[in-house]
Amino acid sequence: MNSLDDAVLRSDDLGTTWHRGASLEAADLAVDPDDPRRVLVTTAASSPSGRSNDRT
């Protein structure tokens, strides 16, 4: 993730070059330990009023 603009970056050549992917507000980001090609992301969703949709 690029912390400057919330862009997910990807590399097809083991990190030599990077390309811009999706832009999103990620709450958590993790690599699947069984498949490093899979990245898991949770996002912060909010309602139109700006309040969080988190349930307690």
Protein backbone atom coordinates (compact mmCIF):
# COMPACT_ATOMS: atom_id res chain seq x y z
CA MET A 1 0.00 0.00 0.00
CA ASN A 2 1.11 3.46 -0.77
CA SER A 3 0.46 5.48 2.37
CA LEU A 4 0.35 8.74 0.43
CA ASP A 5 -2.83 8.03 -1.55
CA ASP A 6 -4.26 4.71 -0.25
CA ALA A 7 -3.38 2.90 -3.50
CA VAL A 8 -2.74 -0.82 -3.51
CA LEU A 9 0.44 -1.49 -5.47
CA ARG A 10 1.24 -4.75 -7.25
CA SER A 11 4.36 -6.23 -8.80
CA ASP A 12 4.58 -8.88 -11.50
CA ASP A 13 8.37 -9.17 -11.37
CA LEU A 14 9.19 -9.97 -7.73
CA GLY A 15 9.24 -6.33 -6.67
CA THR A 16 11.53 -4.83 -9.32
CA THR A 17 8.73 -2.58 -10.57
CA TRP A 18 5.38 -1.66 -9.04
CA HIS A 19 2.05 -0.79 -10.65
CA ARG A 20 -0.93 1.02 -9.21
CA GLY A 21 -3.92 -1.17 -8.46
CA ALA A 22 -7.11 -0.30 -6.62
CA SER A 23 -7.52 2.67 -4.30
CA LEU A 24 -9.26 1.98 -1.02
CA GLU A 25 -9.26 2.85 2.65
CA ALA A 26 -7.87 -0.32 4.23
CA ALA A 27 -8.35 -1.01 7.92
CA ASP A 28 -6.20 -4.18 7.85
CA LEU A 29 -4.08 -5.88 5.20
CA ALA A 30 -2.58 -9.39 5.46
CA VAL A 31 -0.97 -11.95 3.19
CA ASP A 32 -2.47 -15.45 3.23
CA PRO A 33 0.25 -17.66 4.80
CA ASP A 34 -0.87 -20.62 2.64
CA ASP A 35 -0.96 -18.67 -0.63
CA PRO A 36 1.26 -15.57 -0.78
CA ARG A 37 -0.45 -14.54 -4.04
CA ARG A 38 -3.59 -13.81 -2.01
CA VAL A 39 -3.90 -10.60 -0.03
CA LEU A 40 -6.75 -10.14 2.43
CA VAL A 41 -8.06 -6.64 3.14
CA THR A 42 -10.74 -5.25 5.42
CA THR A 43 -12.08 -1.83 4.60
CA ALA A 44 -13.57 0.91 6.71
CA ALA A 45 -17.14 1.46 5.54
CA SER A 46 -19.23 4.39 6.59
CA SER A 47 -22.81 5.42 6.01
CA PRO A 48 -23.82 8.53 4.04
CA SER A 49 -24.02 10.37 7.37
CA GLY A 50 -20.33 9.65 7.91
CA ARG A 51 -20.92 7.39 10.90
CA SER A 52 -19.25 4.01 11.03
CA ASN A 53 -21.26 0.91 10.15
CA ASP A 54 -19.42 -1.11 12.82
CA ARG A 55 -21.72 -3.07 15.09
CA THR A 56 -21.08 -3.41 18.78
